[in-house]
Amino acid sequence: MNISFRFLIFTIFLSLGFITSCNDDITPTEEEKPSVNDTKNIASTETSSTDDSTKTTEPPPLYSSDEIDKIDPEDLSRQIKEIGEKIEELEKESSKHFEEYDKLAEFQKKILEDIKVKKMIMRSKIVGSEEEKKAKKDFEDEKKYGREKLQILKEKNIVLYKITRSIREAKNKKEELEKKREDFLMKQKNKENKKIKKIN
């Protein structure tokens, strides 16, 4: 599953849990509640690798001969280094925000439980009594508090989504630059081989 959607799905579950807890007719069951552990791996980003030993032929270059000739290898290496550092910074930021998201999600689950308890207390009071009015006010106050905290959780979800997307885009750019360097080095190697052949 795409890691960005795992944030979204978990936040939706908490939102639904909030709605059903506030509803007088429906209460969520323990089985319906998502586990925060399901999102533990979200701060880490996906990586892929290929086994060079399985390649039988070199892949064709992505760039034309003219484009490769214009490459400044030092500038290209600098770009690769800079984008690698950017990825490291983004991943650290992602990890920090996920820890905050994790705490917010746990706190939101506690609020849902508190709402359920206050609703049960409200229902246990005699309709129209002062006790029922007080219990109803406590219930409404807890719902308002829950909405505020849920909004913060949703905003954190958006931040994490943007960071995850930035990491993916940066990694794609880094792979593109590394391929460009490979093509440059391959062309240089071919030139050297041709020179050697002429000499021999």
Protein backbone atom coordinates (compact mmCIF):
# COMPACT_ATOMS: atom_id res chain seq x y z
CA MET A 1 0.00 0.00 0.00
CA ASN A 2 1.21 3.50 -0.79
CA ILE A 3 2.57 4.92 2.47
CA SER A 4 0.87 8.28 1.91
CA PHE A 5 -2.54 6.60 1.85
CA ARG A 6 -1.84 4.76 5.11
CA PHE A 7 -1.83 8.11 6.90
CA LEU A 8 -5.05 9.10 5.21
CA ILE A 9 -6.82 5.82 5.98
CA PHE A 10 -5.85 5.91 9.66
CA THR A 11 -7.02 9.52 10.00
CA ILE A 12 -10.32 8.61 8.31
CA PHE A 13 -10.83 5.77 10.78
CA LEU A 14 -10.28 8.14 13.69
CA SER A 15 -12.67 10.65 12.11
CA LEU A 16 -15.34 7.97 11.74
CA GLY A 17 -14.70 6.86 15.30
CA PHE A 18 -15.25 10.43 16.45
CA ILE A 19 -18.49 10.76 14.49
CA THR A 20 -19.91 7.47 15.75
CA SER A 21 -18.87 8.22 19.34
CA CYS A 22 -20.72 11.53 19.19
CA ASN A 23 -23.81 9.92 17.69
CA ASP A 24 -26.43 8.93 20.24
CA ASP A 25 -27.37 5.73 18.37
CA ILE A 26 -24.05 4.27 17.25
CA THR A 27 -20.88 3.46 19.16
CA PRO A 28 -17.70 2.00 17.65
CA THR A 29 -16.62 -1.47 18.76
CA GLU A 30 -13.10 -2.41 19.76
CA GLU A 31 -12.71 -4.39 16.53
CA GLU A 32 -13.51 -1.30 14.45
CA LYS A 33 -10.72 0.79 15.97
CA PRO A 34 -7.46 0.91 14.00
CA SER A 35 -4.15 0.20 15.67
CA VAL A 36 -1.48 2.88 15.73
CA ASN A 37 1.04 0.07 15.26
CA ASP A 38 -0.29 -0.33 11.71
CA THR A 39 1.37 2.96 10.81
CA LYS A 40 4.72 2.41 12.57
CA ASN A 41 6.67 2.00 9.34
CA ILE A 42 5.30 5.13 7.74
CA ALA A 43 8.24 7.36 8.57
CA SER A 44 10.55 5.17 6.58
CA THR A 45 10.52 5.61 2.80
CA GLU A 46 10.64 2.88 0.17
CA THR A 47 13.92 2.14 -1.59
CA SER A 48 14.71 -0.18 -4.46
CA SER A 49 17.87 -1.81 -5.68
CA THR A 50 18.93 -3.88 -8.67
CA ASP A 51 21.44 -6.70 -8.84
CA ASP A 52 24.11 -5.75 -11.38
CA SER A 53 25.21 -9.35 -11.62
CA THR A 54 21.96 -10.28 -13.35
CA LYS A 55 22.47 -7.75 -16.18
CA THR A 56 23.64 -9.25 -19.42
CA THR A 57 23.75 -6.01 -21.45
CA GLU A 58 24.21 -2.36 -20.62
CA PRO A 59 20.97 -0.31 -20.75
CA PRO A 60 20.77 2.29 -23.52
CA PRO A 61 21.69 5.86 -22.50
CA LEU A 62 18.83 8.18 -21.56
CA TYR A 63 20.60 11.21 -22.98
CA SER A 64 21.79 12.10 -26.45
CA SER A 65 25.47 12.31 -27.28
CA ASP A 66 25.31 16.12 -27.38
CA GLU A 67 23.66 16.29 -23.95
CA ILE A 68 26.31 14.01 -22.47
CA ASP A 69 29.11 16.11 -23.97
CA LYS A 70 27.73 19.19 -22.20
CA ILE A 71 27.82 17.50 -18.79
CA ASP A 72 30.10 19.01 -16.17
CA PRO A 73 30.98 15.97 -14.02
CA GLU A 74 31.93 18.11 -10.99
CA ASP A 75 28.66 20.04 -11.14
CA LEU A 76 26.72 16.79 -11.57
CA SER A 77 28.41 15.24 -8.53
CA ARG A 78 27.64 18.38 -6.55
CA GLN A 79 23.95 18.16 -7.51
CA ILE A 80 23.79 14.49 -6.52
CA LYS A 81 25.41 15.24 -3.17
CA GLU A 82 23.07 18.16 -2.48
CA ILE A 83 19.93 16.21 -3.30
CA GLY A 84 21.17 13.31 -1.16
CA GLU A 85 21.56 15.70 1.78
CA LYS A 86 18.09 17.08 1.08
CA ILE A 87 16.63 13.55 1.22
CA GLU A 88 18.33 12.93 4.59
CA GLU A 89 16.89 16.17 5.99
CA LEU A 90 13.41 15.34 4.71
CA GLU A 91 13.54 11.85 6.19
CA LYS A 92 14.57 13.27 9.59
CA GLU A 93 11.72 15.78 9.37
CA SER A 94 9.33 13.00 8.40
CA SER A 95 10.40 10.91 11.39
CA LYS A 96 9.87 13.85 13.75
CA HIS A 97 6.40 14.62 12.39
CA PHE A 98 5.42 10.95 12.52
CA GLU A 99 6.29 10.77 16.22
CA GLU A 100 4.03 13.78 16.77
CA TYR A 101 1.32 12.20 14.62
CA ASP A 102 1.60 8.98 16.61
CA LYS A 103 1.08 10.83 19.91
CA LEU A 104 -1.82 12.84 18.50
CA ALA A 105 -3.49 9.65 17.24
CA GLU A 106 -3.15 7.94 20.63
CA PHE A 107 -4.55 11.03 22.35
CA GLN A 108 -7.47 11.15 19.90
CA LYS A 109 -8.32 7.54 20.74
CA LYS A 110 -8.41 8.47 24.44
CA ILE A 111 -10.76 11.37 23.66
CA LEU A 112 -13.08 8.95 21.83
CA GLU A 113 -13.20 6.75 24.92
CA ASP A 114 -13.93 9.78 27.12
CA ILE A 115 -16.77 10.82 24.79
CA LYS A 116 -18.30 7.34 25.03
CA VAL A 117 -18.12 7.41 28.84
CA LYS A 118 -19.66 10.88 29.08
CA LYS A 119 -22.43 9.83 26.70
CA MET A 120 -23.22 6.79 28.87
CA ILE A 121 -23.32 9.00 31.98
CA MET A 122 -25.64 11.45 30.21
CA ARG A 123 -28.02 8.65 29.20
CA SER A 124 -28.08 7.28 32.73
CA LYS A 125 -29.54 10.51 34.14
CA ILE A 126 -33.24 11.33 34.39
CA VAL A 127 -34.34 13.32 31.34
CA GLY A 128 -34.79 16.98 32.19
CA SER A 129 -33.00 16.75 35.53
CA GLU A 130 -30.17 19.06 36.56
CA GLU A 131 -27.83 16.05 36.58
CA GLU A 132 -28.79 15.27 32.98
CA LYS A 133 -28.22 18.87 31.92
CA LYS A 134 -24.78 18.92 33.53
CA ALA A 135 -23.86 15.54 32.00
CA LYS A 136 -25.06 16.75 28.59
CA LYS A 137 -22.89 19.87 28.87
CA ASP A 138 -19.87 17.72 29.78
CA PHE A 139 -20.62 15.51 26.76
CA GLU A 140 -20.91 18.50 24.40
CA ASP A 141 -17.71 20.08 25.77
CA GLU A 142 -15.81 16.82 25.21
CA LYS A 143 -17.14 16.61 21.64
CA LYS A 144 -15.98 20.18 20.94
CA TYR A 145 -12.56 19.38 22.37
CA GLY A 146 -12.40 16.21 20.27
CA ARG A 147 -13.22 18.14 17.09
CA GLU A 148 -10.41 20.61 17.77
CA LYS A 149 -7.86 17.86 18.35
CA LEU A 150 -9.07 15.91 15.32
CA GLN A 151 -8.50 18.98 13.14
CA ILE A 152 -4.89 19.17 14.38
CA LEU A 153 -4.47 15.47 13.54
CA LYS A 154 -5.80 16.06 10.02
CA GLU A 155 -3.40 18.97 9.52
CA LYS A 156 -0.49 16.81 10.67
CA ASN A 157 -1.63 14.17 8.17
CA ILE A 158 -1.40 16.74 5.36
CA VAL A 159 2.11 17.78 6.46
CA LEU A 160 3.26 14.14 6.44
CA TYR A 161 1.75 13.57 3.01
CA LYS A 162 3.61 16.58 1.57
CA ILE A 163 6.91 15.51 3.11
CA THR A 164 6.48 11.94 1.83
CA ARG A 165 5.75 13.25 -1.67
CA SER A 166 8.82 15.53 -1.52
CA ILE A 167 11.02 12.59 -0.52
CA ARG A 168 9.69 10.50 -3.41
CA GLU A 169 10.26 13.34 -5.91
CA ALA A 170 13.78 13.99 -4.57
CA LYS A 171 14.68 10.30 -4.84
CA ASN A 172 13.40 10.19 -8.41
CA LYS A 173 15.52 13.24 -9.26
CA LYS A 174 18.58 11.69 -7.61
CA GLU A 175 18.12 8.50 -9.62
CA GLU A 176 17.85 10.57 -12.80
CA LEU A 177 21.08 12.44 -12.02
CA GLU A 178 22.89 9.21 -11.14
CA LYS A 179 21.78 7.71 -14.46
CA LYS A 180 23.05 10.81 -16.22
CA ARG A 181 26.44 10.35 -14.53
CA GLU A 182 26.50 6.67 -15.53
CA ASP A 183 25.87 7.61 -19.15
CA PHE A 184 28.65 10.21 -19.00
CA LEU A 185 31.13 7.73 -17.50
CA MET A 186 30.14 5.08 -20.05
CA LYS A 187 30.78 7.50 -22.93
CA GLN A 188 34.14 8.47 -21.46
CA LYS A 189 35.03 4.80 -21.12
CA ASN A 190 34.06 4.13 -24.73
CA LYS A 191 36.22 7.04 -25.88
CA GLU A 192 39.19 5.68 -23.98
CA ASN A 193 38.66 2.22 -25.47
CA LYS A 194 38.60 3.68 -28.99
CA LYS A 195 41.86 5.54 -28.35
CA ILE A 196 43.50 2.35 -27.10
CA LYS A 197 42.34 0.44 -30.17
CA LYS A 198 43.77 3.11 -32.49
CA ILE A 199 47.10 3.02 -30.71
CA ASN A 200 47.21 -0.78 -30.96
